[in-house]
Amino acid sequence: MMSRCWPGARSSSTPITRVVSRVREAVVSTQSTGETYRKLMDLFNKTDLHEERERVQRILGTGPNAALRSETLEFAMSESVRSNDTPFVIHGVANAGPEGRDQTWAFIKNKFPVFLERYSGGFLFTRLVQVTSNFTTMDHYKDIEKFFAENKAPSAERAVKQSLESIKLRAAWLERDGESVAQWFTEQGL
């Protein structure tokens, strides 16, 4: 099915094809334009293979374009996406780097009552909360801590605590080693 957008692409479960598919997805996510996005949406709408739909959903919001990430977040809530796939589409946007994480966190906070009603008590709600675990600043830590203090989510208490712990550890590591790591990358020409 991917061949409709990219010549030579095949849908298969062989190991080499999965690797090639991952590479293609990485390239698409970094080079995503409105045209690429529309082709992916067209592919999503035309295919009847759930595996292909999942691949498209996973990479839709990973590009550098904030407007397309927003469109993907709204798409995740639409009837076009199965409700049990929604958290994974949203997680894809969060994987678009710091801007994607911030955008996704704002979206989750805005739609929190919907998510709580739809997923509370289950694995998928925890998956949404885990979006917060990759933040790296104490400002994010305080925001997340405050949000969940004001918006109780008993089924996700453990996930919230784990996310806050991860954020604190990342923030401490960056404070301790951030300059030397940045210097190393500079020395490597990266």
N, C-alpha and C. Protein backbone atom coordinates (compact mmCIF):
# COMPACT_ATOMS: atom_id res chain seq x y z
N MET A 1 0.81 -1.21 0.00
CA MET A 1 0.00 0.00 0.00
C MET A 1 0.85 1.27 0.00
N MET A 2 2.00 1.25 0.71
CA MET A 2 2.85 2.42 0.74
C MET A 2 3.35 2.78 -0.66
N SER A 3 3.33 1.79 -1.57
CA SER A 3 3.82 2.05 -2.92
C SER A 3 2.97 3.08 -3.66
N ARG A 4 1.77 3.31 -3.19
CA ARG A 4 0.93 4.34 -3.82
C ARG A 4 1.54 5.72 -3.64
N CYS A 5 2.30 5.90 -2.55
CA CYS A 5 2.95 7.18 -2.29
C CYS A 5 4.42 7.16 -2.68
N TRP A 6 5.07 6.00 -2.50
CA TRP A 6 6.50 5.91 -2.75
C TRP A 6 6.81 4.70 -3.61
N PRO A 7 7.36 4.92 -4.79
CA PRO A 7 7.69 3.81 -5.68
C PRO A 7 8.63 2.81 -5.00
N GLY A 8 8.39 1.55 -5.25
CA GLY A 8 9.25 0.51 -4.71
C GLY A 8 8.90 0.07 -3.30
N ALA A 9 7.97 0.75 -2.67
CA ALA A 9 7.60 0.38 -1.31
C ALA A 9 6.64 -0.81 -1.36
N ARG A 10 6.81 -1.71 -0.41
CA ARG A 10 5.94 -2.88 -0.35
C ARG A 10 5.48 -3.09 1.07
N SER A 11 4.34 -3.69 1.21
CA SER A 11 3.86 -4.07 2.53
C SER A 11 4.20 -5.53 2.75
N SER A 12 5.00 -5.81 3.73
CA SER A 12 5.41 -7.18 3.99
C SER A 12 5.87 -7.28 5.42
N SER A 13 5.92 -8.49 5.91
CA SER A 13 6.37 -8.67 7.28
C SER A 13 7.77 -9.27 7.35
N THR A 14 8.51 -9.27 6.24
CA THR A 14 9.88 -9.78 6.29
C THR A 14 10.74 -8.80 7.06
N PRO A 15 11.78 -9.27 7.75
CA PRO A 15 12.63 -8.38 8.55
C PRO A 15 13.21 -7.21 7.77
N ILE A 16 13.73 -7.47 6.56
CA ILE A 16 14.35 -6.39 5.80
C ILE A 16 13.32 -5.35 5.39
N THR A 17 12.12 -5.79 5.04
CA THR A 17 11.08 -4.85 4.65
C THR A 17 10.66 -3.99 5.83
N ARG A 18 10.63 -4.57 7.02
CA ARG A 18 10.29 -3.78 8.21
C ARG A 18 11.35 -2.72 8.47
N VAL A 19 12.62 -3.05 8.27
CA VAL A 19 13.70 -2.08 8.45
C VAL A 19 13.56 -0.96 7.43
N VAL A 20 13.36 -1.33 6.17
CA VAL A 20 13.19 -0.32 5.12
C VAL A 20 11.99 0.55 5.43
N SER A 21 10.91 -0.06 5.91
CA SER A 21 9.72 0.70 6.27
C SER A 21 10.03 1.72 7.37
N ARG A 22 10.79 1.32 8.38
CA ARG A 22 11.16 2.23 9.47
C ARG A 22 12.00 3.40 8.94
N VAL A 23 12.93 3.11 8.06
CA VAL A 23 13.77 4.16 7.48
C VAL A 23 12.88 5.12 6.69
N ARG A 24 11.98 4.59 5.88
CA ARG A 24 11.08 5.43 5.09
C ARG A 24 10.24 6.31 6.02
N GLU A 25 9.74 5.72 7.10
CA GLU A 25 8.94 6.49 8.05
C GLU A 25 9.76 7.61 8.67
N ALA A 26 11.02 7.34 8.99
CA ALA A 26 11.88 8.38 9.57
C ALA A 26 12.11 9.51 8.58
N VAL A 27 12.34 9.17 7.33
CA VAL A 27 12.55 10.20 6.30
C VAL A 27 11.28 11.02 6.11
N VAL A 28 10.15 10.34 6.03
CA VAL A 28 8.88 11.04 5.85
C VAL A 28 8.63 11.99 7.01
N SER A 29 8.90 11.53 8.22
CA SER A 29 8.61 12.37 9.38
C SER A 29 9.48 13.62 9.43
N THR A 30 10.70 13.56 8.93
CA THR A 30 11.55 14.74 8.96
C THR A 30 11.35 15.65 7.75
N GLN A 31 10.78 15.12 6.68
CA GLN A 31 10.61 15.89 5.45
C GLN A 31 9.14 16.20 5.17
N SER A 32 8.29 16.00 6.14
CA SER A 32 6.86 16.11 5.93
C SER A 32 6.44 17.53 5.51
N THR A 33 5.72 17.57 4.42
CA THR A 33 5.13 18.82 3.93
C THR A 33 3.64 18.61 3.84
N GLY A 34 2.93 19.64 3.50
CA GLY A 34 1.49 19.51 3.31
C GLY A 34 1.16 18.48 2.25
N GLU A 35 1.95 18.45 1.18
CA GLU A 35 1.72 17.49 0.10
C GLU A 35 1.93 16.05 0.59
N THR A 36 3.01 15.82 1.32
CA THR A 36 3.27 14.49 1.87
C THR A 36 2.17 14.09 2.83
N TYR A 37 1.75 15.03 3.64
CA TYR A 37 0.69 14.77 4.62
C TYR A 37 -0.59 14.35 3.90
N ARG A 38 -0.95 15.07 2.85
CA ARG A 38 -2.17 14.74 2.09
C ARG A 38 -2.06 13.36 1.45
N LYS A 39 -0.88 13.01 0.95
CA LYS A 39 -0.69 11.68 0.38
C LYS A 39 -0.86 10.60 1.45
N LEU A 40 -0.33 10.86 2.63
CA LEU A 40 -0.49 9.91 3.72
C LEU A 40 -1.96 9.77 4.12
N MET A 41 -2.65 10.88 4.20
CA MET A 41 -4.08 10.83 4.54
C MET A 41 -4.87 10.09 3.46
N ASP A 42 -4.50 10.31 2.22
CA ASP A 42 -5.16 9.60 1.12
C ASP A 42 -4.91 8.10 1.25
N LEU A 43 -3.68 7.74 1.54
CA LEU A 43 -3.34 6.33 1.74
C LEU A 43 -4.15 5.76 2.90
N PHE A 44 -4.22 6.49 3.99
CA PHE A 44 -4.99 6.04 5.16
C PHE A 44 -6.44 5.78 4.77
N ASN A 45 -7.02 6.69 4.03
CA ASN A 45 -8.43 6.56 3.66
C ASN A 45 -8.70 5.46 2.64
N LYS A 46 -7.72 5.15 1.81
CA LYS A 46 -7.94 4.16 0.75
C LYS A 46 -7.64 2.72 1.17
N THR A 47 -6.77 2.55 2.14
CA THR A 47 -6.38 1.18 2.48
C THR A 47 -7.38 0.54 3.43
N ASP A 48 -7.52 -0.76 3.28
CA ASP A 48 -8.36 -1.50 4.21
C ASP A 48 -7.52 -2.38 5.14
N LEU A 49 -6.20 -2.28 5.01
CA LEU A 49 -5.30 -3.03 5.87
C LEU A 49 -5.01 -2.24 7.14
N HIS A 50 -5.37 -2.82 8.26
CA HIS A 50 -5.15 -2.11 9.53
C HIS A 50 -3.67 -1.84 9.78
N GLU A 51 -2.80 -2.76 9.38
CA GLU A 51 -1.36 -2.58 9.55
C GLU A 51 -0.88 -1.30 8.86
N GLU A 52 -1.35 -1.08 7.64
CA GLU A 52 -0.98 0.14 6.90
C GLU A 52 -1.55 1.38 7.56
N ARG A 53 -2.79 1.29 8.02
CA ARG A 53 -3.41 2.43 8.70
C ARG A 53 -2.62 2.80 9.95
N GLU A 54 -2.17 1.79 10.69
CA GLU A 54 -1.37 2.05 11.89
C GLU A 54 -0.05 2.73 11.53
N ARG A 55 0.60 2.28 10.47
CA ARG A 55 1.86 2.91 10.05
C ARG A 55 1.64 4.39 9.73
N VAL A 56 0.59 4.65 8.98
CA VAL A 56 0.31 6.04 8.60
C VAL A 56 0.00 6.86 9.85
N GLN A 57 -0.86 6.35 10.71
CA GLN A 57 -1.22 7.06 11.93
C GLN A 57 0.00 7.38 12.78
N ARG A 58 0.93 6.45 12.83
CA ARG A 58 2.11 6.60 13.68
C ARG A 58 3.02 7.73 13.20
N ILE A 59 3.08 7.97 11.88
CA ILE A 59 4.02 8.97 11.37
C ILE A 59 3.37 10.30 10.99
N LEU A 60 2.05 10.37 10.96
CA LEU A 60 1.39 11.60 10.52
C LEU A 60 1.88 12.85 11.23
N GLY A 61 1.97 12.80 12.53
CA GLY A 61 2.27 14.00 13.30
C GLY A 61 3.71 14.16 13.73
N THR A 62 4.61 13.39 13.13
CA THR A 62 5.99 13.42 13.61
C THR A 62 6.86 14.45 12.90
N GLY A 63 6.32 15.16 11.95
CA GLY A 63 7.10 16.13 11.19
C GLY A 63 7.29 17.45 11.91
N PRO A 64 8.04 18.34 11.28
CA PRO A 64 8.38 19.62 11.91
C PRO A 64 7.29 20.70 11.81
N ASN A 65 6.22 20.44 11.11
CA ASN A 65 5.19 21.44 10.85
C ASN A 65 4.14 21.43 11.97
N ALA A 66 4.09 22.51 12.74
CA ALA A 66 3.17 22.60 13.89
C ALA A 66 1.71 22.51 13.46
N ALA A 67 1.37 23.12 12.33
CA ALA A 67 -0.02 23.07 11.87
C ALA A 67 -0.44 21.64 11.52
N LEU A 68 0.47 20.88 10.90
CA LEU A 68 0.16 19.49 10.56
C LEU A 68 0.09 18.62 11.82
N ARG A 69 0.90 18.95 12.81
CA ARG A 69 0.80 18.22 14.09
C ARG A 69 -0.55 18.49 14.74
N SER A 70 -1.00 19.74 14.69
CA SER A 70 -2.32 20.06 15.25
C SER A 70 -3.43 19.32 14.51
N GLU A 71 -3.30 19.29 13.20
CA GLU A 71 -4.28 18.57 12.39
C GLU A 71 -4.30 17.08 12.78
N THR A 72 -3.13 16.53 13.03
CA THR A 72 -3.04 15.13 13.42
C THR A 72 -3.69 14.89 14.77
N LEU A 73 -3.47 15.80 15.71
CA LEU A 73 -4.10 15.65 17.02
C LEU A 73 -5.62 15.66 16.91
N GLU A 74 -6.15 16.56 16.11
CA GLU A 74 -7.60 16.59 15.91
C GLU A 74 -8.07 15.33 15.18
N PHE A 75 -7.30 14.89 14.20
CA PHE A 75 -7.61 13.66 13.47
C PHE A 75 -7.68 12.49 14.43
N ALA A 76 -6.79 12.44 15.40
CA ALA A 76 -6.76 11.35 16.37
C ALA A 76 -8.07 11.22 17.13
N MET A 77 -8.78 12.31 17.29
CA MET A 77 -10.04 12.31 18.03
C MET A 77 -11.25 12.06 17.13
N SER A 78 -11.01 11.98 15.84
CA SER A 78 -12.12 11.83 14.90
C SER A 78 -12.61 10.39 14.84
N GLU A 79 -13.74 10.21 14.19
CA GLU A 79 -14.29 8.87 14.02
C GLU A 79 -13.50 8.05 13.02
N SER A 80 -12.59 8.67 12.30
CA SER A 80 -11.75 7.94 11.34
C SER A 80 -10.73 7.05 12.04
N VAL A 81 -10.43 7.40 13.29
CA VAL A 81 -9.43 6.66 14.06
C VAL A 81 -10.15 5.85 15.15
N ARG A 82 -9.85 4.58 15.20
CA ARG A 82 -10.45 3.75 16.24
C ARG A 82 -10.02 4.29 17.60
N SER A 83 -10.93 4.29 18.56
CA SER A 83 -10.63 4.90 19.85
C SER A 83 -9.43 4.24 20.53
N ASN A 84 -9.22 2.94 20.29
CA ASN A 84 -8.07 2.31 20.92
C ASN A 84 -6.76 2.64 20.19
N ASP A 85 -6.83 3.27 19.02
CA ASP A 85 -5.63 3.73 18.32
C ASP A 85 -5.30 5.18 18.64
N THR A 86 -6.27 5.93 19.13
CA THR A 86 -6.09 7.36 19.40
C THR A 86 -4.85 7.68 20.23
N PRO A 87 -4.62 7.01 21.37
CA PRO A 87 -3.43 7.35 22.17
C PRO A 87 -2.12 7.16 21.41
N PHE A 88 -2.09 6.21 20.49
CA PHE A 88 -0.85 5.96 19.75
C PHE A 88 -0.61 7.04 18.69
N VAL A 89 -1.68 7.54 18.11
CA VAL A 89 -1.56 8.67 17.16
C VAL A 89 -1.05 9.89 17.91
N ILE A 90 -1.63 10.14 19.07
CA ILE A 90 -1.23 11.28 19.90
C ILE A 90 0.23 11.13 20.34
N HIS A 91 0.61 9.93 20.70
CA HIS A 91 1.99 9.68 21.11
C HIS A 91 2.96 9.96 19.96
N GLY A 92 2.52 9.68 18.72
CA GLY A 92 3.35 9.98 17.56
C GLY A 92 3.68 11.45 17.46
N VAL A 93 2.71 12.31 17.76
CA VAL A 93 2.95 13.75 17.74
C VAL A 93 3.94 14.13 18.84
N ALA A 94 3.79 13.51 20.00
CA ALA A 94 4.71 13.80 21.10
C ALA A 94 6.15 13.41 20.76
N ASN A 95 6.30 12.48 19.85
CA ASN A 95 7.64 12.04 19.44
C ASN A 95 8.28 12.96 18.42
N ALA A 96 7.64 14.06 18.10
CA ALA A 96 8.17 15.02 17.13
C ALA A 96 9.15 16.00 17.76
N GLY A 97 9.71 15.66 18.89
CA GLY A 97 10.68 16.53 19.55
C GLY A 97 10.04 17.41 20.59
N PRO A 98 10.80 18.34 21.14
CA PRO A 98 10.29 19.19 22.22
C PRO A 98 9.03 19.96 21.85
N GLU A 99 8.96 20.47 20.63
CA GLU A 99 7.76 21.22 20.21
C GLU A 99 6.56 20.31 20.14
N GLY A 100 6.76 19.11 19.62
CA GLY A 100 5.67 18.14 19.55
C GLY A 100 5.18 17.72 20.93
N ARG A 101 6.12 17.54 21.86
CA ARG A 101 5.73 17.19 23.24
C ARG A 101 4.91 18.30 23.87
N ASP A 102 5.38 19.55 23.71
CA ASP A 102 4.64 20.68 24.29
C ASP A 102 3.24 20.78 23.68
N GLN A 103 3.17 20.63 22.38
CA GLN A 103 1.89 20.72 21.67
C GLN A 103 0.96 19.59 22.13
N THR A 104 1.50 18.40 22.28
CA THR A 104 0.70 17.25 22.70
C THR A 104 0.23 17.42 24.14
N TRP A 105 1.10 17.89 25.01
CA TRP A 105 0.72 18.08 26.41
C TRP A 105 -0.40 19.12 26.51
N ALA A 106 -0.29 20.20 25.78
CA ALA A 106 -1.36 21.22 25.77
C ALA A 106 -2.68 20.60 25.29
N PHE A 107 -2.60 19.77 24.27
CA PHE A 107 -3.79 19.11 23.72
C PHE A 107 -4.41 18.16 24.75
N ILE A 108 -3.57 17.38 25.41
CA ILE A 108 -4.08 16.45 26.43
C ILE A 108 -4.75 17.21 27.56
N LYS A 109 -4.13 18.29 28.01
CA LYS A 109 -4.74 19.08 29.08
C LYS A 109 -6.09 19.64 28.64
N ASN A 110 -6.16 20.12 27.41
CA ASN A 110 -7.39 20.69 26.89
C ASN A 110 -8.51 19.65 26.76
N LYS A 111 -8.15 18.44 26.37
CA LYS A 111 -9.13 17.37 26.14
C LYS A 111 -9.20 16.39 27.31
N PHE A 112 -8.62 16.74 28.42
CA PHE A 112 -8.50 15.80 29.53
C PHE A 112 -9.84 15.17 29.96
N PRO A 113 -10.92 15.95 30.09
CA PRO A 113 -12.19 15.31 30.48
C PRO A 113 -12.64 14.22 29.50
N VAL A 114 -12.41 14.45 28.22
CA VAL A 114 -12.77 13.45 27.21
C VAL A 114 -11.92 12.20 27.39
N PHE A 115 -10.62 12.38 27.57
CA PHE A 115 -9.73 11.24 27.76
C PHE A 115 -10.06 10.48 29.03
N LEU A 116 -10.36 11.22 30.09
CA LEU A 116 -10.68 10.58 31.36
C LEU A 116 -11.94 9.73 31.21
N GLU A 117 -12.93 10.26 30.55
CA GLU A 117 -14.18 9.51 30.35
C GLU A 117 -13.97 8.30 29.44
N ARG A 118 -13.21 8.49 28.40
CA ARG A 118 -13.02 7.44 27.39
C ARG A 118 -12.10 6.32 27.86
N TYR A 119 -11.03 6.67 28.60
CA TYR A 119 -9.98 5.68 28.87
C TYR A 119 -9.69 5.40 30.34
N SER A 120 -10.31 6.13 31.25
CA SER A 120 -9.96 5.98 32.66
C SER A 120 -10.05 4.53 33.11
N GLY A 121 -9.04 4.14 33.85
CA GLY A 121 -9.02 2.79 34.39
C GLY A 121 -8.31 1.78 33.51
N GLY A 122 -7.82 2.23 32.37
CA GLY A 122 -7.21 1.28 31.46
C GLY A 122 -5.81 1.66 31.03
N PHE A 123 -5.21 0.74 30.31
CA PHE A 123 -3.86 0.89 29.80
C PHE A 123 -3.73 2.10 28.88
N LEU A 124 -4.76 2.39 28.09
CA LEU A 124 -4.66 3.48 27.12
C LEU A 124 -4.58 4.85 27.79
N PHE A 125 -5.23 4.99 28.93
CA PHE A 125 -5.13 6.25 29.67
C PHE A 125 -3.71 6.43 30.20
N THR A 126 -3.14 5.36 30.71
CA THR A 126 -1.75 5.40 31.18
C THR A 126 -0.83 5.77 30.03
N ARG A 127 -1.10 5.25 28.84
CA ARG A 127 -0.28 5.56 27.66
C ARG A 127 -0.30 7.06 27.38
N LEU A 128 -1.45 7.68 27.53
CA LEU A 128 -1.54 9.13 27.32
C LEU A 128 -0.72 9.89 28.36
N VAL A 129 -0.82 9.46 29.60
CA VAL A 129 -0.07 10.13 30.68
C VAL A 129 1.43 10.00 30.43
N GLN A 130 1.87 8.89 29.88
CA GLN A 130 3.29 8.66 29.65
C GLN A 130 3.91 9.65 28.66
N VAL A 131 3.09 10.37 27.92
CA VAL A 131 3.60 11.42 27.03
C VAL A 131 4.45 12.40 27.83
N THR A 132 4.10 12.61 29.08
CA THR A 132 4.79 13.59 29.91
C THR A 132 6.17 13.12 30.37
N SER A 133 6.45 11.85 30.29
CA SER A 133 7.69 11.34 30.88
C SER A 133 8.96 11.78 30.17
N ASN A 134 8.86 12.30 28.98
CA ASN A 134 10.06 12.70 28.23
C ASN A 134 10.40 14.18 28.36
N PHE A 135 9.69 14.91 29.18
CA PHE A 135 10.06 16.30 29.43
C PHE A 135 11.35 16.34 30.23
N THR A 136 12.03 17.49 30.17
CA THR A 136 13.37 17.55 30.77
C THR A 136 13.60 18.77 31.67
N THR A 137 12.56 19.53 31.96
CA THR A 137 12.76 20.73 32.78
C THR A 137 11.89 20.69 34.03
N MET A 138 12.35 21.38 35.04
CA MET A 138 11.56 21.47 36.27
C MET A 138 10.30 22.31 36.07
N ASP A 139 10.30 23.20 35.09
CA ASP A 139 9.07 23.93 34.78
C ASP A 139 7.99 22.96 34.31
N HIS A 140 8.36 22.02 33.46
CA HIS A 140 7.40 21.00 33.03
C HIS A 140 6.98 20.14 34.22
N TYR A 141 7.92 19.79 35.05
CA TYR A 141 7.63 18.99 36.25
C TYR A 141 6.54 19.68 37.08
N LYS A 142 6.74 20.96 37.35
CA LYS A 142 5.78 21.70 38.17
C LYS A 142 4.41 21.79 37.49
N ASP A 143 4.41 22.02 36.18
CA ASP A 143 3.16 22.11 35.43
C ASP A 143 2.39 20.78 35.50
N ILE A 144 3.07 19.68 35.29
CA ILE A 144 2.43 18.37 35.29
C ILE A 144 1.96 18.01 36.69
N GLU A 145 2.80 18.27 37.67
CA GLU A 145 2.43 17.99 39.06
C GLU A 145 1.17 18.78 39.45
N LYS A 146 1.16 20.05 39.11
CA LYS A 146 0.00 20.91 39.42
C LYS A 146 -1.25 20.43 38.68
N PHE A 147 -1.09 20.10 37.40
CA PHE A 147 -2.24 19.67 36.62
C PHE A 147 -2.90 18.44 37.23
N PHE A 148 -2.09 17.43 37.58
CA PHE A 148 -2.68 16.21 38.11
C PHE A 148 -3.12 16.35 39.56
N ALA A 149 -2.63 17.36 40.27
CA ALA A 149 -3.15 17.64 41.60
C ALA A 149 -4.56 18.23 41.49
N GLU A 150 -4.78 19.01 40.44
CA GLU A 150 -6.09 19.65 40.22
C GLU A 150 -7.05 18.78 39.41
N ASN A 151 -6.53 17.82 38.68
CA ASN A 151 -7.33 16.95 37.81
C ASN A 151 -7.01 15.50 38.17
N LYS A 152 -7.74 15.00 39.12
CA LYS A 152 -7.46 13.66 39.64
C LYS A 152 -7.69 12.59 38.58
N ALA A 153 -6.75 11.66 38.55
CA ALA A 153 -6.83 10.51 37.64
C ALA A 153 -6.33 9.29 38.41
N PRO A 154 -7.18 8.75 39.28
CA PRO A 154 -6.75 7.66 40.15
C PRO A 154 -6.12 6.47 39.40
N SER A 155 -6.64 6.15 38.24
CA SER A 155 -6.11 4.99 37.52
C SER A 155 -4.72 5.25 36.93
N ALA A 156 -4.30 6.51 36.93
CA ALA A 156 -3.00 6.84 36.35
C ALA A 156 -2.02 7.39 37.38
N GLU A 157 -2.36 7.26 38.66
CA GLU A 157 -1.48 7.82 39.70
C GLU A 157 -0.05 7.30 39.58
N ARG A 158 0.08 6.01 39.36
CA ARG A 158 1.43 5.43 39.26
C ARG A 158 2.16 5.99 38.04
N ALA A 159 1.48 6.09 36.92
CA ALA A 159 2.10 6.62 35.69
C ALA A 159 2.52 8.07 35.89
N VAL A 160 1.70 8.85 36.59
CA VAL A 160 2.04 10.25 36.86
C VAL A 160 3.30 10.31 37.72
N LYS A 161 3.35 9.51 38.78
CA LYS A 161 4.53 9.49 39.66
C LYS A 161 5.78 9.08 38.88
N GLN A 162 5.65 8.08 38.03
CA GLN A 162 6.79 7.63 37.23
C GLN A 162 7.25 8.71 36.26
N SER A 163 6.29 9.40 35.66
CA SER A 163 6.64 10.49 34.74
C SER A 163 7.36 11.60 35.47
N LEU A 164 6.84 11.98 36.61
CA LEU A 164 7.48 13.05 37.39
C LEU A 164 8.89 12.65 37.82
N GLU A 165 9.06 11.40 38.20
CA GLU A 165 10.39 10.94 38.57
C GLU A 165 11.34 10.99 37.37
N SER A 166 10.86 10.57 36.21
CA SER A 166 11.69 10.62 34.99
C SER A 166 12.09 12.05 34.64
N ILE A 167 11.14 12.96 34.76
CA ILE A 167 11.43 14.36 34.45
C ILE A 167 12.49 14.90 35.41
N LYS A 168 12.33 14.61 36.68
CA LYS A 168 13.28 15.10 37.68
C LYS A 168 14.68 14.56 37.40
N LEU A 169 14.77 13.27 37.05
CA LEU A 169 16.07 12.67 36.74
C LEU A 169 16.69 13.29 35.49
N ARG A 170 15.89 13.51 34.46
CA ARG A 170 16.40 14.12 33.23
C ARG A 170 16.87 15.56 33.48
N ALA A 171 16.08 16.30 34.25
CA ALA A 171 16.44 17.69 34.55
C ALA A 171 17.75 17.74 35.34
N ALA A 172 17.90 16.84 36.30
CA ALA A 172 19.14 16.80 37.10
C ALA A 172 20.33 16.41 36.22
N TRP A 173 20.13 15.45 35.33
CA TRP A 173 21.21 15.04 34.44
C TRP A 173 21.63 16.18 33.53
N LEU A 174 20.64 16.90 32.97
CA LEU A 174 20.97 18.03 32.10
C LEU A 174 21.70 19.13 32.85
N GLU A 175 21.27 19.37 34.08
CA GLU A 175 21.95 20.40 34.88
C GLU A 175 23.39 19.99 35.17
N ARG A 176 23.59 18.72 35.47
CA ARG A 176 24.92 18.22 35.81
C ARG A 176 25.81 18.08 34.58
N ASP A 177 25.29 17.50 33.49
CA ASP A 177 26.13 17.12 32.36
C ASP A 177 25.79 17.81 31.04
N GLY A 178 24.80 18.66 31.05
CA GLY A 178 24.33 19.26 29.80
C GLY A 178 25.41 20.00 29.02
N GLU A 179 26.22 20.79 29.71
CA GLU A 179 27.26 21.56 29.01
C GLU A 179 28.32 20.65 28.40
N SER A 180 28.74 19.64 29.13
CA SER A 180 29.78 18.75 28.59
C SER A 180 29.24 17.92 27.42
N VAL A 181 27.99 17.52 27.48
CA VAL A 181 27.39 16.76 26.37
C VAL A 181 27.27 17.67 25.15
N ALA A 182 26.82 18.89 25.35
CA ALA A 182 26.71 19.84 24.23
C ALA A 182 28.08 20.10 23.61
N GLN A 183 29.09 20.23 24.46
CA GLN A 183 30.45 20.44 23.96
C GLN A 183 30.91 19.24 23.13
N TRP A 184 30.64 18.03 23.60
CA TRP A 184 31.03 16.83 22.86
C TRP A 184 30.37 16.81 21.48
N PHE A 185 29.07 17.11 21.42
CA PHE A 185 28.37 17.15 20.13
C PHE A 185 29.00 18.19 19.20
N THR A 186 29.35 19.34 19.76
CA THR A 186 29.99 20.39 18.97
C THR A 186 31.34 19.90 18.42
N GLU A 187 32.11 19.25 19.26
CA GLU A 187 33.41 18.72 18.85
C GLU A 187 33.26 17.65 17.75
N GLN A 188 32.17 16.93 17.77
CA GLN A 188 31.93 15.89 16.77
C GLN A 188 31.33 16.46 15.49
N GLY A 189 31.05 17.75 15.51
CA GLY A 189 30.44 18.38 14.35
C GLY A 189 28.97 18.03 14.18
N LEU A 190 28.33 17.70 15.27
CA LEU A 190 26.91 17.31 15.22
C LEU A 190 26.02 18.43 15.69
